[in-house]
Amino acid sequence: MTKPKVTIVIPFFNSEKTLDTCIKSILKQTINNYEIILIDNNSTDKSKEIALSYSKQYNNGLNMCILQH
Protein backbone atom coordinates (compact mmCIF):
# COMPACT_ATOMS: atom_id res chain seq x y z
CA MET A 1 0.00 0.00 0.00
CA THR A 2 1.33 3.43 -0.91
CA LYS A 3 1.50 6.19 1.63
CA PRO A 4 -1.91 7.91 1.80
CA LYS A 5 -2.20 11.50 0.62
CA VAL A 6 -5.08 12.23 2.97
CA THR A 7 -5.75 11.10 6.52
CA ILE A 8 -9.32 11.42 7.77
CA VAL A 9 -9.67 11.29 11.56
CA ILE A 10 -13.10 10.56 13.01
CA PRO A 11 -13.31 10.87 16.78
CA PHE A 12 -16.58 9.58 18.17
CA PHE A 13 -18.44 9.04 21.43
CA ASN A 14 -21.84 7.33 21.51
CA SER A 15 -22.44 8.04 17.83
CA GLU A 16 -24.20 4.86 16.75
CA LYS A 17 -26.93 6.88 15.01
CA THR A 18 -24.52 8.82 12.76
CA LEU A 19 -21.23 6.92 12.53
CA ASP A 20 -22.33 4.49 9.82
CA THR A 21 -23.53 7.34 7.58
CA CYS A 22 -20.34 9.27 8.21
CA ILE A 23 -18.08 6.37 7.21
CA LYS A 24 -20.22 5.46 4.17
CA SER A 25 -20.02 9.05 2.97
CA ILE A 26 -16.22 8.97 3.06
CA LEU A 27 -16.05 5.60 1.31
CA LYS A 28 -18.17 6.98 -1.56
CA GLN A 29 -15.67 9.73 -2.39
CA THR A 30 -13.78 9.60 -5.67
CA ILE A 31 -10.38 10.02 -4.03
CA ASN A 32 -8.92 6.63 -3.21
CA ASN A 33 -5.54 7.42 -1.70
CA TYR A 34 -6.59 7.98 1.89
CA GLU A 35 -6.75 6.38 5.29
CA ILE A 36 -9.46 6.68 7.91
CA ILE A 37 -8.58 6.68 11.57
CA LEU A 38 -11.52 5.97 13.86
CA ILE A 39 -11.06 7.06 17.46
CA ASP A 40 -13.50 5.77 20.07
CA ASN A 41 -13.61 7.71 23.32
CA ASN A 42 -15.07 4.86 25.39
CA SER A 43 -18.53 4.79 23.82
CA THR A 44 -21.19 2.93 25.76
CA ASP A 45 -23.52 2.38 22.80
CA LYS A 46 -22.83 0.32 19.65
CA SER A 47 -20.45 2.85 18.06
CA LYS A 48 -17.38 0.77 18.78
CA GLU A 49 -18.94 -2.31 17.17
CA ILE A 50 -19.82 -0.29 14.06
CA ALA A 51 -16.25 1.02 13.80
CA LEU A 52 -14.76 -2.44 14.33
CA SER A 53 -17.03 -3.83 11.64
CA TYR A 54 -15.73 -1.32 9.09
CA SER A 55 -12.18 -1.81 10.29
CA LYS A 56 -12.43 -5.56 9.59
CA GLN A 57 -14.21 -5.07 6.27
CA TYR A 58 -11.74 -2.47 4.94
CA ASN A 59 -8.62 -3.49 6.83
CA ASN A 60 -6.29 -2.09 4.17
CA GLY A 61 -7.62 1.47 4.37
CA LEU A 62 -9.02 1.95 7.87
CA ASN A 63 -7.13 2.20 11.10
CA MET A 64 -8.93 1.78 14.39
CA CYS A 65 -7.63 3.59 17.45
CA ILE A 66 -9.18 3.27 20.89
CA LEU A 67 -8.87 6.01 23.48
CA GLN A 68 -9.26 4.79 27.02
CA HIS A 69 -9.56 6.79 30.20
C-alpha atoms as a PDB file:
ATOM      1  CA  MET A   1       0.000   0.000   0.000  1.00  0.00           C
ATOM      2  CA  THR A   2       1.330   3.431  -0.906  1.00  0.00           C
ATOM      3  CA  LYS A   3       1.503   6.189   1.635  1.00  0.00           C
ATOM      4  CA  PRO A   4      -1.912   7.910   1.801  1.00  0.00           C
ATOM      5  CA  LYS A   5      -2.200  11.503   0.625  1.00  0.00           C
ATOM      6  CA  VAL A   6      -5.084  12.229   2.970  1.00  0.00           C
ATOM      7  CA  THR A   7      -5.749  11.096   6.518  1.00  0.00           C
ATOM      8  CA  ILE A   8      -9.316  11.424   7.774  1.00  0.00           C
ATOM      9  CA  VAL A   9      -9.673  11.294  11.557  1.00  0.00           C
ATOM     10  CA  ILE A  10     -13.105  10.560  13.014  1.00  0.00           C
ATOM     11  CA  PRO A  11     -13.309  10.875  16.779  1.00  0.00           C
ATOM     12  CA  PHE A  12     -16.581   9.583  18.173  1.00  0.00           C
ATOM     13  CA  PHE A  13     -18.444   9.038  21.433  1.00  0.00           C
ATOM     14  CA  ASN A  14     -21.836   7.326  21.507  1.00  0.00           C
ATOM     15  CA  SER A  15     -22.442   8.039  17.825  1.00  0.00           C
ATOM     16  CA  GLU A  16     -24.200   4.862  16.752  1.00  0.00           C
ATOM     17  CA  LYS A  17     -26.933   6.883  15.012  1.00  0.00           C
ATOM     18  CA  THR A  18     -24.523   8.819  12.760  1.00  0.00           C
ATOM     19  CA  LEU A  19     -21.227   6.920  12.534  1.00  0.00           C
ATOM     20  CA  ASP A  20     -22.333   4.492   9.824  1.00  0.00           C
ATOM     21  CA  THR A  21     -23.532   7.342   7.577  1.00  0.00           C
ATOM     22  CA  CYS A  22     -20.336   9.272   8.205  1.00  0.00           C
ATOM     23  CA  ILE A  23     -18.084   6.368   7.206  1.00  0.00           C
ATOM     24  CA  LYS A  24     -20.216   5.461   4.172  1.00  0.00           C
ATOM     25  CA  SER A  25     -20.016   9.048   2.973  1.00  0.00           C
ATOM     26  CA  ILE A  26     -16.221   8.969   3.062  1.00  0.00           C
ATOM     27  CA  LEU A  27     -16.053   5.605   1.314  1.00  0.00           C
ATOM     28  CA  LYS A  28     -18.171   6.978  -1.565  1.00  0.00           C
ATOM     29  CA  GLN A  29     -15.667   9.730  -2.387  1.00  0.00           C
ATOM     30  CA  THR A  30     -13.780   9.597  -5.667  1.00  0.00           C
ATOM     31  CA  ILE A  31     -10.378  10.025  -4.025  1.00  0.00           C
ATOM     32  CA  ASN A  32      -8.915   6.634  -3.210  1.00  0.00           C
ATOM     33  CA  ASN A  33      -5.537   7.422  -1.704  1.00  0.00           C
ATOM     34  CA  TYR A  34      -6.594   7.981   1.893  1.00  0.00           C
ATOM     35  CA  GLU A  35      -6.750   6.378   5.293  1.00  0.00           C
ATOM     36  CA  ILE A  36      -9.460   6.682   7.906  1.00  0.00           C
ATOM     37  CA  ILE A  37      -8.580   6.675  11.573  1.00  0.00           C
ATOM     38  CA  LEU A  38     -11.524   5.972  13.859  1.00  0.00           C
ATOM     39  CA  ILE A  39     -11.062   7.058  17.465  1.00  0.00           C
ATOM     40  CA  ASP A  40     -13.500   5.772  20.066  1.00  0.00           C
ATOM     41  CA  ASN A  41     -13.614   7.713  23.321  1.00  0.00           C
ATOM     42  CA  ASN A  42     -15.073   4.864  25.392  1.00  0.00           C
ATOM     43  CA  SER A  43     -18.534   4.794  23.822  1.00  0.00           C
ATOM     44  CA  THR A  44     -21.189   2.929  25.758  1.00  0.00           C
ATOM     45  CA  ASP A  45     -23.516   2.381  22.796  1.00  0.00           C
ATOM     46  CA  LYS A  46     -22.825   0.316  19.654  1.00  0.00           C
ATOM     47  CA  SER A  47     -20.452   2.852  18.061  1.00  0.00           C
ATOM     48  CA  LYS A  48     -17.380   0.767  18.782  1.00  0.00           C
ATOM     49  CA  GLU A  49     -18.941  -2.311  17.168  1.00  0.00           C
ATOM     50  CA  ILE A  50     -19.815  -0.287  14.058  1.00  0.00           C
ATOM     51  CA  ALA A  51     -16.254   1.020  13.804  1.00  0.00           C
ATOM     52  CA  LEU A  52     -14.761  -2.435  14.331  1.00  0.00           C
ATOM     53  CA  SER A  53     -17.033  -3.834  11.639  1.00  0.00           C
ATOM     54  CA  TYR A  54     -15.727  -1.322   9.094  1.00  0.00           C
ATOM     55  CA  SER A  55     -12.180  -1.814  10.289  1.00  0.00           C
ATOM     56  CA  LYS A  56     -12.434  -5.556   9.586  1.00  0.00           C
ATOM     57  CA  GLN A  57     -14.214  -5.068   6.268  1.00  0.00           C
ATOM     58  CA  TYR A  58     -11.738  -2.471   4.943  1.00  0.00           C
ATOM     59  CA  ASN A  59      -8.619  -3.491   6.829  1.00  0.00           C
ATOM     60  CA  ASN A  60      -6.290  -2.087   4.172  1.00  0.00           C
ATOM     61  CA  GLY A  61      -7.620   1.468   4.372  1.00  0.00           C
ATOM     62  CA  LEU A  62      -9.016   1.952   7.870  1.00  0.00           C
ATOM     63  CA  ASN A  63      -7.132   2.199  11.097  1.00  0.00           C
ATOM     64  CA  MET A  64      -8.927   1.778  14.391  1.00  0.00           C
ATOM     65  CA  CYS A  65      -7.634   3.590  17.449  1.00  0.00           C
ATOM     66  CA  ILE A  66      -9.181   3.273  20.887  1.00  0.00           C
ATOM     67  CA  LEU A  67      -8.868   6.012  23.484  1.00  0.00           C
ATOM     68  CA  GLN A  68      -9.258   4.785  27.024  1.00  0.00           C
ATOM     69  CA  HIS A  69      -9.559   6.794  30.199  1.00  0.00           C
END
